[in-house]
Amino acid sequence: MTTTGESPPSATQLETNAEAGSNPAPLARPSPQFPRKGPALIFLAVVAFVSLGGFLLAALSSSPKTPPASIGKVAGSKITAANASSFLSKIEVSGEPPANVIEAIVVPTGSTLTSFHREAENLELFAGSVTLLAPDQASDVVSFYRLELNHEKWKVTRTDATLDGKGSELFATIGGSDGFYWELEVTVESSNPSVSPALGGGDATVASSVELQLVELDDAD
């Protein structure tokens, strides 16, 4: 199509252009209009990384922990002792309980942690507890703590049956390096035995529940 006032190209002009090798300029090929993936891929990568990190953290926190190593047996006890520091670390806060109190607490070798609890940090006096599963008869665990508390320089103040009559409680105190007395309450009860399927129900695993509750007393030295 030609505009007004312009003459159409003659045949001679077209032939001359063709002979000179003059071709119309090629049209630029449009780029494919794909969506931009950069930010979306980065976002998905971040989400995947966070999800994987959370999964690994949950797996590590829920994985069984190796029981503490044995430190020996006191005379008269059927049970070998292990240091309780790895369990009590779950309730430590701001240097409480003090190191000398933690070092004076032991557990039956082979014990595993089942739960722990610490009172609010805004309370003036510390209070916290850990609950363990010990692979021993409840009566042997009670005797174990009677012997071990005396051996570790605790002053055993009393021994009672639990309110439901199904277990025993021992109360003992010790002076802490922080200038306060600390009370340890040990509650021992028989745990429901678990039967091994491989043995066809013919054998049961003996176990006891042990709760260690630590309380900072309000009568400082």
N, C-alpha and C. Protein backbone atom coordinates (compact mmCIF):
# COMPACT_ATOMS: atom_id res chain seq x y z
N MET A 1 0.86 -1.18 0.00
CA MET A 1 0.00 0.00 0.00
C MET A 1 0.89 1.23 0.00
N THR A 2 0.52 2.24 -0.88
CA THR A 2 1.31 3.46 -0.98
C THR A 2 0.53 4.61 -0.47
N THR A 3 1.25 5.61 0.04
CA THR A 3 0.58 6.80 0.57
C THR A 3 0.30 7.76 -0.56
N THR A 4 -0.59 8.70 -0.29
CA THR A 4 -0.98 9.68 -1.30
C THR A 4 0.21 10.50 -1.72
N GLY A 5 0.38 10.69 -3.00
CA GLY A 5 1.47 11.52 -3.51
C GLY A 5 2.70 10.74 -3.82
N GLU A 6 2.73 9.40 -3.47
CA GLU A 6 3.91 8.61 -3.76
C GLU A 6 3.63 7.69 -4.93
N SER A 7 4.62 7.49 -5.77
CA SER A 7 4.47 6.60 -6.92
C SER A 7 4.92 5.23 -6.52
N PRO A 8 4.21 4.18 -6.95
CA PRO A 8 4.65 2.81 -6.64
C PRO A 8 5.99 2.53 -7.29
N PRO A 9 6.83 1.69 -6.73
CA PRO A 9 8.14 1.39 -7.31
C PRO A 9 7.98 0.72 -8.64
N SER A 10 8.83 1.11 -9.56
CA SER A 10 8.79 0.52 -10.89
C SER A 10 9.44 -0.83 -10.90
N ALA A 11 9.15 -1.59 -11.97
CA ALA A 11 9.76 -2.92 -12.10
C ALA A 11 11.26 -2.82 -12.19
N THR A 12 11.74 -1.73 -12.83
CA THR A 12 13.19 -1.55 -12.98
C THR A 12 13.87 -1.37 -11.64
N GLN A 13 13.22 -0.61 -10.76
CA GLN A 13 13.79 -0.38 -9.42
C GLN A 13 13.85 -1.68 -8.63
N LEU A 14 12.78 -2.50 -8.74
CA LEU A 14 12.77 -3.77 -8.01
C LEU A 14 13.86 -4.69 -8.49
N GLU A 15 14.07 -4.73 -9.80
CA GLU A 15 15.12 -5.58 -10.34
C GLU A 15 16.49 -5.11 -9.89
N THR A 16 16.65 -3.77 -9.87
CA THR A 16 17.95 -3.24 -9.44
C THR A 16 18.24 -3.60 -8.00
N ASN A 17 17.24 -3.50 -7.12
CA ASN A 17 17.42 -3.86 -5.71
C ASN A 17 17.77 -5.34 -5.55
N ALA A 18 17.09 -6.16 -6.34
CA ALA A 18 17.35 -7.59 -6.23
C ALA A 18 18.75 -7.91 -6.67
N GLU A 19 19.23 -7.26 -7.76
CA GLU A 19 20.56 -7.52 -8.24
C GLU A 19 21.61 -7.04 -7.26
N ALA A 20 21.31 -5.97 -6.53
CA ALA A 20 22.29 -5.45 -5.57
C ALA A 20 22.32 -6.24 -4.28
N GLY A 21 21.45 -7.24 -4.16
CA GLY A 21 21.42 -8.05 -2.93
C GLY A 21 20.76 -7.35 -1.78
N SER A 22 19.95 -6.36 -2.06
CA SER A 22 19.28 -5.62 -0.98
C SER A 22 18.00 -6.34 -0.62
N ASN A 23 17.93 -6.84 0.62
CA ASN A 23 16.73 -7.54 1.12
C ASN A 23 16.14 -6.74 2.26
N PRO A 24 14.86 -6.86 2.46
CA PRO A 24 14.25 -6.17 3.60
C PRO A 24 14.86 -6.67 4.91
N ALA A 25 15.00 -5.79 5.91
CA ALA A 25 15.56 -6.18 7.22
C ALA A 25 14.67 -7.23 7.86
N PRO A 26 15.26 -8.36 8.35
CA PRO A 26 14.44 -9.43 8.96
C PRO A 26 13.77 -8.91 10.24
N LEU A 27 12.57 -9.44 10.49
CA LEU A 27 11.84 -9.08 11.70
C LEU A 27 12.50 -9.73 12.91
N ALA A 28 12.59 -8.96 14.00
CA ALA A 28 13.16 -9.53 15.22
C ALA A 28 12.22 -10.57 15.81
N ARG A 29 12.77 -11.77 16.21
CA ARG A 29 11.94 -12.83 16.76
C ARG A 29 11.59 -12.52 18.21
N PRO A 30 10.32 -12.48 18.53
CA PRO A 30 9.97 -12.15 19.92
C PRO A 30 10.44 -13.24 20.87
N SER A 31 10.86 -12.83 22.07
CA SER A 31 11.28 -13.79 23.09
C SER A 31 10.06 -14.52 23.64
N PRO A 32 10.20 -15.82 23.98
CA PRO A 32 9.07 -16.53 24.58
C PRO A 32 8.68 -15.87 25.90
N GLN A 33 7.42 -15.70 26.10
CA GLN A 33 6.94 -15.02 27.31
C GLN A 33 6.71 -16.02 28.44
N PHE A 34 7.84 -16.57 28.95
CA PHE A 34 7.74 -17.48 30.11
C PHE A 34 7.67 -16.67 31.39
N PRO A 35 6.99 -17.19 32.42
CA PRO A 35 6.98 -16.47 33.70
C PRO A 35 8.38 -16.43 34.31
N ARG A 36 8.67 -15.41 35.04
CA ARG A 36 9.98 -15.27 35.71
C ARG A 36 10.04 -16.25 36.88
N LYS A 37 11.06 -17.12 36.86
CA LYS A 37 11.14 -18.20 37.87
C LYS A 37 12.10 -17.89 39.00
N GLY A 38 12.96 -16.90 38.84
CA GLY A 38 14.00 -16.67 39.84
C GLY A 38 13.46 -16.53 41.26
N PRO A 39 12.64 -15.52 41.56
CA PRO A 39 12.13 -15.34 42.93
C PRO A 39 11.33 -16.53 43.43
N ALA A 40 10.52 -17.15 42.55
CA ALA A 40 9.70 -18.28 42.97
C ALA A 40 10.57 -19.46 43.38
N LEU A 41 11.64 -19.72 42.58
CA LEU A 41 12.53 -20.84 42.92
C LEU A 41 13.26 -20.58 44.22
N ILE A 42 13.68 -19.34 44.44
CA ILE A 42 14.36 -19.00 45.70
C ILE A 42 13.43 -19.22 46.88
N PHE A 43 12.18 -18.79 46.75
CA PHE A 43 11.21 -18.95 47.84
C PHE A 43 10.97 -20.42 48.15
N LEU A 44 10.80 -21.24 47.07
CA LEU A 44 10.59 -22.67 47.30
C LEU A 44 11.80 -23.33 47.94
N ALA A 45 13.00 -22.87 47.54
CA ALA A 45 14.21 -23.44 48.14
C ALA A 45 14.29 -23.12 49.62
N VAL A 46 13.93 -21.88 49.98
CA VAL A 46 13.95 -21.48 51.40
C VAL A 46 12.95 -22.30 52.19
N VAL A 47 11.73 -22.47 51.64
CA VAL A 47 10.70 -23.26 52.34
C VAL A 47 11.17 -24.69 52.54
N ALA A 48 11.79 -25.27 51.50
CA ALA A 48 12.27 -26.65 51.60
C ALA A 48 13.36 -26.77 52.64
N PHE A 49 14.28 -25.78 52.67
CA PHE A 49 15.37 -25.81 53.65
C PHE A 49 14.85 -25.73 55.08
N VAL A 50 13.90 -24.80 55.31
CA VAL A 50 13.33 -24.65 56.66
C VAL A 50 12.59 -25.91 57.07
N SER A 51 11.82 -26.50 56.13
CA SER A 51 11.08 -27.72 56.45
C SER A 51 12.02 -28.86 56.78
N LEU A 52 13.11 -28.99 56.00
CA LEU A 52 14.09 -30.04 56.26
C LEU A 52 14.78 -29.82 57.59
N GLY A 53 15.12 -28.56 57.89
CA GLY A 53 15.76 -28.26 59.18
C GLY A 53 14.86 -28.62 60.34
N GLY A 54 13.57 -28.29 60.22
CA GLY A 54 12.63 -28.62 61.29
C GLY A 54 12.49 -30.11 61.47
N PHE A 55 12.49 -30.84 60.34
CA PHE A 55 12.38 -32.30 60.42
C PHE A 55 13.59 -32.91 61.11
N LEU A 56 14.79 -32.43 60.74
CA LEU A 56 16.00 -32.96 61.37
C LEU A 56 16.06 -32.63 62.85
N LEU A 57 15.64 -31.39 63.21
CA LEU A 57 15.65 -31.01 64.62
C LEU A 57 14.69 -31.88 65.41
N ALA A 58 13.50 -32.13 64.86
CA ALA A 58 12.54 -32.99 65.55
C ALA A 58 13.06 -34.41 65.70
N ALA A 59 13.74 -34.89 64.64
CA ALA A 59 14.28 -36.24 64.70
C ALA A 59 15.36 -36.36 65.75
N LEU A 60 16.22 -35.34 65.83
CA LEU A 60 17.30 -35.37 66.81
C LEU A 60 16.76 -35.27 68.23
N SER A 61 15.76 -34.39 68.43
CA SER A 61 15.24 -34.19 69.78
C SER A 61 14.44 -35.39 70.26
N SER A 62 13.84 -36.16 69.31
CA SER A 62 13.03 -37.29 69.72
C SER A 62 13.81 -38.60 69.72
N SER A 63 15.03 -38.57 69.22
CA SER A 63 15.81 -39.80 69.17
C SER A 63 16.26 -40.20 70.57
N PRO A 64 16.35 -41.50 70.84
CA PRO A 64 16.74 -41.94 72.17
C PRO A 64 18.16 -41.52 72.52
N LYS A 65 18.39 -41.12 73.75
CA LYS A 65 19.69 -40.68 74.21
C LYS A 65 20.41 -41.85 74.88
N THR A 66 21.73 -41.88 74.77
CA THR A 66 22.52 -42.91 75.41
C THR A 66 22.51 -42.71 76.92
N PRO A 67 22.15 -43.74 77.71
CA PRO A 67 22.15 -43.60 79.16
C PRO A 67 23.55 -43.24 79.67
N PRO A 68 23.63 -42.49 80.77
CA PRO A 68 24.94 -42.11 81.31
C PRO A 68 25.75 -43.32 81.75
N ALA A 69 27.06 -43.20 81.71
CA ALA A 69 27.94 -44.30 82.05
C ALA A 69 27.93 -44.58 83.55
N SER A 70 28.21 -45.81 83.89
CA SER A 70 28.23 -46.23 85.29
C SER A 70 29.42 -45.60 86.03
N ILE A 71 29.19 -45.26 87.31
CA ILE A 71 30.28 -44.72 88.13
C ILE A 71 30.58 -45.62 89.33
N GLY A 72 29.93 -46.81 89.38
CA GLY A 72 30.22 -47.75 90.46
C GLY A 72 29.02 -48.05 91.33
N LYS A 73 29.26 -48.87 92.33
CA LYS A 73 28.20 -49.35 93.22
C LYS A 73 28.66 -49.22 94.67
N VAL A 74 27.77 -48.70 95.53
CA VAL A 74 28.12 -48.60 96.94
C VAL A 74 27.85 -49.94 97.62
N ALA A 75 28.52 -50.17 98.74
CA ALA A 75 28.37 -51.43 99.45
C ALA A 75 26.92 -51.64 99.88
N GLY A 76 26.41 -52.84 99.63
CA GLY A 76 25.06 -53.19 100.04
C GLY A 76 24.01 -52.97 98.96
N SER A 77 24.35 -52.29 97.89
CA SER A 77 23.37 -52.00 96.84
C SER A 77 23.43 -53.05 95.73
N LYS A 78 22.27 -53.39 95.20
CA LYS A 78 22.20 -54.31 94.07
C LYS A 78 22.35 -53.58 92.73
N ILE A 79 22.29 -52.25 92.78
CA ILE A 79 22.24 -51.45 91.56
C ILE A 79 23.48 -50.59 91.43
N THR A 80 24.02 -50.54 90.24
CA THR A 80 25.16 -49.68 89.95
C THR A 80 24.67 -48.27 89.64
N ALA A 81 25.39 -47.26 90.13
CA ALA A 81 24.98 -45.87 89.97
C ALA A 81 25.57 -45.25 88.70
N ALA A 82 24.87 -44.22 88.21
CA ALA A 82 25.35 -43.40 87.11
C ALA A 82 25.06 -41.95 87.46
N ASN A 83 25.89 -41.04 86.92
CA ASN A 83 25.69 -39.62 87.21
C ASN A 83 24.40 -39.12 86.57
N ALA A 84 23.69 -38.24 87.28
CA ALA A 84 22.40 -37.74 86.81
C ALA A 84 22.49 -36.42 86.06
N SER A 85 23.69 -35.89 85.86
CA SER A 85 23.84 -34.54 85.32
C SER A 85 23.22 -34.38 83.92
N SER A 86 23.31 -35.42 83.08
CA SER A 86 22.74 -35.30 81.73
C SER A 86 21.23 -35.15 81.77
N PHE A 87 20.59 -35.73 82.78
CA PHE A 87 19.13 -35.58 82.93
C PHE A 87 18.78 -34.24 83.57
N LEU A 88 19.52 -33.87 84.60
CA LEU A 88 19.22 -32.63 85.31
C LEU A 88 19.52 -31.39 84.47
N SER A 89 20.36 -31.54 83.44
CA SER A 89 20.64 -30.40 82.57
C SER A 89 19.37 -29.91 81.88
N LYS A 90 18.36 -30.76 81.79
CA LYS A 90 17.09 -30.38 81.16
C LYS A 90 16.35 -29.32 81.97
N ILE A 91 16.64 -29.23 83.27
CA ILE A 91 15.91 -28.28 84.11
C ILE A 91 16.83 -27.20 84.68
N GLU A 92 18.11 -27.22 84.35
CA GLU A 92 19.03 -26.19 84.83
C GLU A 92 18.70 -24.84 84.21
N VAL A 93 18.86 -23.77 84.99
CA VAL A 93 18.67 -22.42 84.49
C VAL A 93 19.46 -21.44 85.34
N SER A 94 20.23 -20.60 84.70
CA SER A 94 20.99 -19.54 85.39
C SER A 94 21.82 -20.06 86.55
N GLY A 95 22.48 -21.20 86.36
CA GLY A 95 23.36 -21.74 87.40
C GLY A 95 22.64 -22.45 88.52
N GLU A 96 21.36 -22.73 88.37
CA GLU A 96 20.61 -23.46 89.39
C GLU A 96 20.01 -24.72 88.76
N PRO A 97 20.07 -25.83 89.50
CA PRO A 97 20.71 -26.05 90.80
C PRO A 97 22.23 -25.89 90.70
N PRO A 98 22.88 -25.54 91.83
CA PRO A 98 24.35 -25.38 91.79
C PRO A 98 25.04 -26.70 91.50
N ALA A 99 26.29 -26.58 91.04
CA ALA A 99 27.04 -27.77 90.60
C ALA A 99 27.18 -28.82 91.69
N ASN A 100 27.41 -28.42 92.94
CA ASN A 100 27.64 -29.43 93.98
C ASN A 100 26.37 -30.23 94.27
N VAL A 101 25.20 -29.63 94.05
CA VAL A 101 23.94 -30.35 94.26
C VAL A 101 23.74 -31.36 93.13
N ILE A 102 24.00 -30.93 91.90
CA ILE A 102 23.84 -31.83 90.76
C ILE A 102 24.80 -33.01 90.85
N GLU A 103 26.03 -32.74 91.26
CA GLU A 103 27.03 -33.80 91.36
C GLU A 103 26.69 -34.81 92.45
N ALA A 104 25.84 -34.43 93.40
CA ALA A 104 25.49 -35.32 94.51
C ALA A 104 24.27 -36.19 94.21
N ILE A 105 23.77 -36.13 92.98
CA ILE A 105 22.59 -36.91 92.61
C ILE A 105 22.98 -37.98 91.59
N VAL A 106 22.55 -39.20 91.83
CA VAL A 106 22.83 -40.31 90.92
C VAL A 106 21.53 -40.98 90.52
N VAL A 107 21.63 -41.82 89.50
CA VAL A 107 20.47 -42.59 89.02
C VAL A 107 20.93 -44.02 88.79
N PRO A 108 19.99 -44.97 88.76
CA PRO A 108 20.38 -46.35 88.42
C PRO A 108 20.93 -46.42 87.00
N THR A 109 21.99 -47.17 86.82
CA THR A 109 22.58 -47.34 85.49
C THR A 109 21.54 -47.94 84.53
N GLY A 110 21.49 -47.39 83.32
CA GLY A 110 20.52 -47.86 82.34
C GLY A 110 19.22 -47.09 82.34
N SER A 111 19.11 -46.08 83.22
CA SER A 111 17.88 -45.27 83.27
C SER A 111 17.75 -44.42 82.01
N THR A 112 16.51 -44.17 81.62
CA THR A 112 16.23 -43.32 80.47
C THR A 112 15.24 -42.23 80.88
N LEU A 113 15.38 -41.07 80.28
CA LEU A 113 14.52 -39.93 80.59
C LEU A 113 13.17 -40.09 79.91
N THR A 114 12.08 -39.89 80.68
CA THR A 114 10.74 -39.94 80.10
C THR A 114 10.06 -38.58 80.08
N SER A 115 10.38 -37.70 81.04
CA SER A 115 9.79 -36.35 81.03
C SER A 115 10.57 -35.46 82.00
N PHE A 116 10.36 -34.14 81.87
CA PHE A 116 10.96 -33.19 82.81
C PHE A 116 10.08 -31.96 82.89
N HIS A 117 10.21 -31.23 84.00
CA HIS A 117 9.39 -30.04 84.22
C HIS A 117 10.17 -29.06 85.09
N ARG A 118 10.06 -27.77 84.75
CA ARG A 118 10.67 -26.72 85.57
C ARG A 118 9.64 -25.63 85.78
N GLU A 119 9.55 -25.15 87.02
CA GLU A 119 8.62 -24.07 87.32
C GLU A 119 9.06 -22.78 86.63
N ALA A 120 8.17 -21.82 86.57
CA ALA A 120 8.45 -20.55 85.89
C ALA A 120 9.70 -19.90 86.46
N GLU A 121 10.50 -19.29 85.57
CA GLU A 121 11.77 -18.69 85.98
C GLU A 121 11.60 -17.44 86.83
N ASN A 122 10.39 -16.86 86.82
CA ASN A 122 10.19 -15.63 87.59
C ASN A 122 9.93 -15.90 89.08
N LEU A 123 9.88 -17.18 89.46
CA LEU A 123 9.74 -17.50 90.88
C LEU A 123 11.07 -17.28 91.59
N GLU A 124 11.00 -16.87 92.84
CA GLU A 124 12.24 -16.57 93.58
C GLU A 124 13.05 -17.82 93.85
N LEU A 125 12.39 -18.95 94.11
CA LEU A 125 13.09 -20.18 94.45
C LEU A 125 12.90 -21.22 93.35
N PHE A 126 13.96 -21.94 93.07
CA PHE A 126 13.95 -22.94 92.01
C PHE A 126 13.10 -24.14 92.39
N ALA A 127 12.42 -24.72 91.40
CA ALA A 127 11.70 -25.98 91.58
C ALA A 127 11.61 -26.66 90.22
N GLY A 128 12.01 -27.92 90.17
CA GLY A 128 11.95 -28.65 88.91
C GLY A 128 12.05 -30.14 89.16
N SER A 129 11.71 -30.93 88.16
CA SER A 129 11.74 -32.39 88.33
C SER A 129 12.04 -33.08 87.02
N VAL A 130 12.59 -34.27 87.12
CA VAL A 130 12.79 -35.16 85.97
C VAL A 130 12.21 -36.52 86.33
N THR A 131 11.65 -37.20 85.34
CA THR A 131 11.10 -38.54 85.56
C THR A 131 11.85 -39.51 84.67
N LEU A 132 12.26 -40.62 85.26
CA LEU A 132 13.08 -41.61 84.57
C LEU A 132 12.42 -42.98 84.60
N LEU A 133 12.88 -43.84 83.72
CA LEU A 133 12.50 -45.24 83.74
C LEU A 133 13.75 -46.04 84.04
N ALA A 134 13.76 -46.72 85.18
CA ALA A 134 14.92 -47.50 85.61
C ALA A 134 14.65 -48.99 85.39
N PRO A 135 15.63 -49.74 84.90
CA PRO A 135 15.43 -51.16 84.60
C PRO A 135 15.63 -52.05 85.83
N ASP A 136 14.97 -51.70 86.93
CA ASP A 136 15.17 -52.42 88.18
C ASP A 136 13.86 -52.52 88.96
N GLN A 137 13.82 -53.46 89.90
CA GLN A 137 12.68 -53.59 90.80
C GLN A 137 12.55 -52.34 91.67
N ALA A 138 11.31 -51.93 91.93
CA ALA A 138 11.07 -50.72 92.73
C ALA A 138 11.70 -50.84 94.12
N SER A 139 11.60 -51.99 94.74
CA SER A 139 12.17 -52.16 96.08
C SER A 139 13.68 -52.00 96.06
N ASP A 140 14.33 -52.48 94.99
CA ASP A 140 15.78 -52.34 94.88
C ASP A 140 16.16 -50.88 94.62
N VAL A 141 15.32 -50.15 93.89
CA VAL A 141 15.60 -48.74 93.62
C VAL A 141 15.47 -47.92 94.91
N VAL A 142 14.49 -48.23 95.74
CA VAL A 142 14.33 -47.52 97.02
C VAL A 142 15.57 -47.75 97.89
N SER A 143 16.02 -49.00 97.98
CA SER A 143 17.23 -49.30 98.76
C SER A 143 18.44 -48.60 98.16
N PHE A 144 18.50 -48.55 96.84
CA PHE A 144 19.59 -47.87 96.13
C PHE A 144 19.68 -46.41 96.57
N TYR A 145 18.55 -45.71 96.62
CA TYR A 145 18.58 -44.29 96.99
C TYR A 145 18.84 -44.09 98.48
N ARG A 146 18.39 -44.98 99.30
CA ARG A 146 18.73 -44.86 100.73
C ARG A 146 20.24 -44.88 100.92
N LEU A 147 20.89 -45.81 100.24
CA LEU A 147 22.34 -45.95 100.37
C LEU A 147 23.08 -44.81 99.67
N GLU A 148 22.65 -44.48 98.47
CA GLU A 148 23.36 -43.47 97.69
C GLU A 148 23.22 -42.06 98.27
N LEU A 149 22.06 -41.71 98.79
CA LEU A 149 21.88 -40.37 99.37
C LEU A 149 22.81 -40.17 100.56
N ASN A 150 22.92 -41.19 101.39
CA ASN A 150 23.85 -41.10 102.52
C ASN A 150 25.30 -41.04 102.03
N HIS A 151 25.60 -41.83 101.01
CA HIS A 151 26.95 -41.85 100.47
C HIS A 151 27.34 -40.49 99.87
N GLU A 152 26.37 -39.80 99.26
CA GLU A 152 26.62 -38.51 98.62
C GLU A 152 26.42 -37.32 99.58
N LYS A 153 26.33 -37.61 100.88
CA LYS A 153 26.28 -36.58 101.94
C LYS A 153 24.95 -35.83 102.02
N TRP A 154 23.88 -36.44 101.50
CA TRP A 154 22.56 -35.88 101.73
C TRP A 154 22.10 -36.27 103.14
N LYS A 155 21.25 -35.45 103.73
CA LYS A 155 20.64 -35.79 105.01
C LYS A 155 19.21 -36.26 104.75
N VAL A 156 18.99 -37.57 104.87
CA VAL A 156 17.66 -38.12 104.63
C VAL A 156 16.75 -37.75 105.80
N THR A 157 15.69 -37.02 105.52
CA THR A 157 14.80 -36.52 106.57
C THR A 157 13.62 -37.45 106.84
N ARG A 158 13.11 -38.10 105.80
CA ARG A 158 12.02 -39.06 106.03
C ARG A 158 11.81 -39.93 104.80
N THR A 159 11.16 -41.06 105.04
CA THR A 159 10.76 -41.98 103.97
C THR A 159 9.30 -42.36 104.19
N ASP A 160 8.47 -42.20 103.18
CA ASP A 160 7.04 -42.46 103.30
C ASP A 160 6.56 -43.26 102.10
N ALA A 161 5.34 -43.80 102.28
CA ALA A 161 4.64 -44.39 101.14
C ALA A 161 3.95 -43.26 100.38
N THR A 162 3.76 -43.43 99.09
CA THR A 162 3.02 -42.44 98.33
C THR A 162 1.55 -42.45 98.77
N LEU A 163 0.82 -41.39 98.42
CA LEU A 163 -0.57 -41.25 98.87
C LEU A 163 -1.44 -42.42 98.41
N ASP A 164 -1.17 -42.94 97.22
CA ASP A 164 -1.98 -44.07 96.74
C ASP A 164 -1.47 -45.41 97.24
N GLY A 165 -0.37 -45.40 98.00
CA GLY A 165 0.16 -46.63 98.56
C GLY A 165 0.88 -47.52 97.56
N LYS A 166 1.10 -47.04 96.34
CA LYS A 166 1.71 -47.87 95.30
C LYS A 166 3.21 -47.66 95.16
N GLY A 167 3.76 -46.72 95.91
CA GLY A 167 5.17 -46.44 95.77
C GLY A 167 5.77 -45.90 97.05
N SER A 168 7.00 -45.43 96.95
CA SER A 168 7.71 -44.89 98.13
C SER A 168 8.29 -43.53 97.79
N GLU A 169 8.43 -42.70 98.85
CA GLU A 169 9.01 -41.37 98.71
C GLU A 169 10.13 -41.21 99.71
N LEU A 170 11.24 -40.64 99.25
CA LEU A 170 12.36 -40.32 100.14
C LEU A 170 12.63 -38.83 100.04
N PHE A 171 12.86 -38.18 101.18
CA PHE A 171 13.15 -36.75 101.23
C PHE A 171 14.53 -36.56 101.85
N ALA A 172 15.34 -35.71 101.22
CA ALA A 172 16.68 -35.46 101.73
C ALA A 172 17.07 -34.02 101.43
N THR A 173 17.98 -33.47 102.25
CA THR A 173 18.44 -32.10 102.04
C THR A 173 19.97 -32.06 101.99
N ILE A 174 20.48 -31.00 101.34
CA ILE A 174 21.92 -30.79 101.25
C ILE A 174 22.17 -29.30 101.10
N GLY A 175 23.29 -28.83 101.61
CA GLY A 175 23.65 -27.43 101.46
C GLY A 175 24.25 -27.15 100.09
N GLY A 176 23.73 -26.14 99.42
CA GLY A 176 24.23 -25.79 98.10
C GLY A 176 25.34 -24.77 98.17
N SER A 177 26.18 -24.74 97.15
CA SER A 177 27.26 -23.76 97.09
C SER A 177 26.74 -22.35 96.86
N ASP A 178 25.44 -22.22 96.61
CA ASP A 178 24.83 -20.89 96.43
C ASP A 178 24.37 -20.28 97.75
N GLY A 179 24.61 -21.00 98.86
CA GLY A 179 24.22 -20.48 100.17
C GLY A 179 22.83 -20.91 100.61
N PHE A 180 22.14 -21.71 99.82
CA PHE A 180 20.80 -22.20 100.17
C PHE A 180 20.82 -23.70 100.37
N TYR A 181 19.86 -24.18 101.16
CA TYR A 181 19.65 -25.61 101.27
C TYR A 181 18.74 -26.05 100.13
N TRP A 182 18.98 -27.29 99.67
CA TRP A 182 18.18 -27.86 98.60
C TRP A 182 17.55 -29.16 99.07
N GLU A 183 16.31 -29.37 98.69
CA GLU A 183 15.61 -30.61 99.06
C GLU A 183 15.39 -31.46 97.81
N LEU A 184 15.69 -32.74 97.95
CA LEU A 184 15.45 -33.71 96.89
C LEU A 184 14.36 -34.67 97.33
N GLU A 185 13.32 -34.77 96.53
CA GLU A 185 12.26 -35.75 96.77
C GLU A 185 12.34 -36.82 95.70
N VAL A 186 12.52 -38.06 96.13
CA VAL A 186 12.62 -39.20 95.21
C VAL A 186 11.36 -40.03 95.35
N THR A 187 10.63 -40.18 94.26
CA THR A 187 9.42 -40.99 94.25
C THR A 187 9.65 -42.19 93.34
N VAL A 188 9.43 -43.39 93.89
CA VAL A 188 9.68 -44.63 93.15
C VAL A 188 8.40 -45.46 93.12
N GLU A 189 8.02 -45.87 91.93
CA GLU A 189 6.85 -46.74 91.75
C GLU A 189 7.17 -47.81 90.72
N SER A 190 6.53 -48.96 90.86
CA SER A 190 6.69 -50.01 89.86
C SER A 190 6.02 -49.57 88.56
N SER A 191 6.71 -49.82 87.46
CA SER A 191 6.16 -49.49 86.15
C SER A 191 5.50 -50.71 85.56
N ASN A 192 4.49 -50.49 84.71
CA ASN A 192 3.84 -51.62 84.06
C ASN A 192 4.86 -52.38 83.23
N PRO A 193 5.01 -53.68 83.48
CA PRO A 193 6.02 -54.44 82.71
C PRO A 193 5.61 -54.57 81.26
N SER A 194 6.61 -54.55 80.37
CA SER A 194 6.36 -54.76 78.95
C SER A 194 6.80 -56.17 78.59
N VAL A 195 5.95 -56.87 77.84
CA VAL A 195 6.23 -58.25 77.48
C VAL A 195 6.84 -58.31 76.09
N SER A 196 7.89 -59.07 75.93
CA SER A 196 8.56 -59.18 74.64
C SER A 196 7.80 -60.12 73.72
N PRO A 197 7.32 -59.63 72.55
CA PRO A 197 6.60 -60.50 71.62
C PRO A 197 7.45 -61.67 71.12
N ALA A 198 8.76 -61.44 71.01
CA ALA A 198 9.64 -62.50 70.51
C ALA A 198 9.65 -63.71 71.43
N LEU A 199 9.32 -63.47 72.71
CA LEU A 199 9.31 -64.56 73.68
C LEU A 199 7.91 -65.12 73.87
N GLY A 200 6.98 -64.69 73.03
CA GLY A 200 5.64 -65.24 73.11
C GLY A 200 4.92 -64.87 74.39
N GLY A 201 5.30 -63.76 75.01
CA GLY A 201 4.61 -63.35 76.23
C GLY A 201 5.08 -64.09 77.46
N GLY A 202 6.14 -64.85 77.33
CA GLY A 202 6.58 -65.65 78.46
C GLY A 202 7.52 -64.93 79.40
N ASP A 203 7.95 -63.72 79.06
CA ASP A 203 8.89 -63.00 79.91
C ASP A 203 8.52 -61.53 79.94
N ALA A 204 8.68 -60.89 81.07
CA ALA A 204 8.33 -59.47 81.21
C ALA A 204 9.56 -58.69 81.64
N THR A 205 9.66 -57.46 81.15
CA THR A 205 10.78 -56.60 81.50
C THR A 205 10.45 -55.82 82.77
N VAL A 206 11.32 -55.95 83.77
CA VAL A 206 11.12 -55.25 85.03
C VAL A 206 11.56 -53.80 84.87
N ALA A 207 10.76 -52.88 85.39
CA ALA A 207 11.12 -51.46 85.30
C ALA A 207 10.43 -50.70 86.42
N SER A 208 11.01 -49.56 86.77
CA SER A 208 10.45 -48.69 87.81
C SER A 208 10.45 -47.25 87.33
N SER A 209 9.43 -46.51 87.73
CA SER A 209 9.36 -45.08 87.45
C SER A 209 10.01 -44.34 88.61
N VAL A 210 10.93 -43.43 88.29
CA VAL A 210 11.65 -42.67 89.32
C VAL A 210 11.50 -41.18 89.02
N GLU A 211 10.92 -40.44 89.94
CA GLU A 211 10.84 -38.99 89.79
C GLU A 211 11.78 -38.33 90.79
N LEU A 212 12.64 -37.45 90.28
CA LEU A 212 13.56 -36.69 91.11
C LEU A 212 13.11 -35.23 91.09
N GLN A 213 12.62 -34.75 92.23
CA GLN A 213 12.16 -33.37 92.30
C GLN A 213 13.10 -32.57 93.20
N LEU A 214 13.61 -31.48 92.64
CA LEU A 214 14.55 -30.60 93.36
C LEU A 214 13.88 -29.27 93.69
N VAL A 215 14.01 -28.87 94.95
CA VAL A 215 13.41 -27.61 95.40
C VAL A 215 14.44 -26.82 96.19
N GLU A 216 14.57 -25.54 95.87
CA GLU A 216 15.43 -24.66 96.63
C GLU A 216 14.67 -24.14 97.83
N LEU A 217 15.20 -24.38 99.03
CA LEU A 217 14.51 -23.96 100.24
C LEU A 217 14.81 -22.50 100.55
N ASP A 218 13.90 -21.84 101.29
CA ASP A 218 14.02 -20.40 101.51
C ASP A 218 14.80 -20.04 102.77
N ASP A 219 15.49 -21.00 103.37
CA ASP A 219 16.31 -20.70 104.55
C ASP A 219 17.78 -20.73 104.16
N ALA A 220 18.30 -19.61 103.74
CA ALA A 220 19.69 -19.55 103.33
C ALA A 220 20.61 -19.72 104.53
N ASP A 221 21.84 -20.17 104.27
CA ASP A 221 22.83 -20.33 105.35
C ASP A 221 23.13 -18.98 106.00
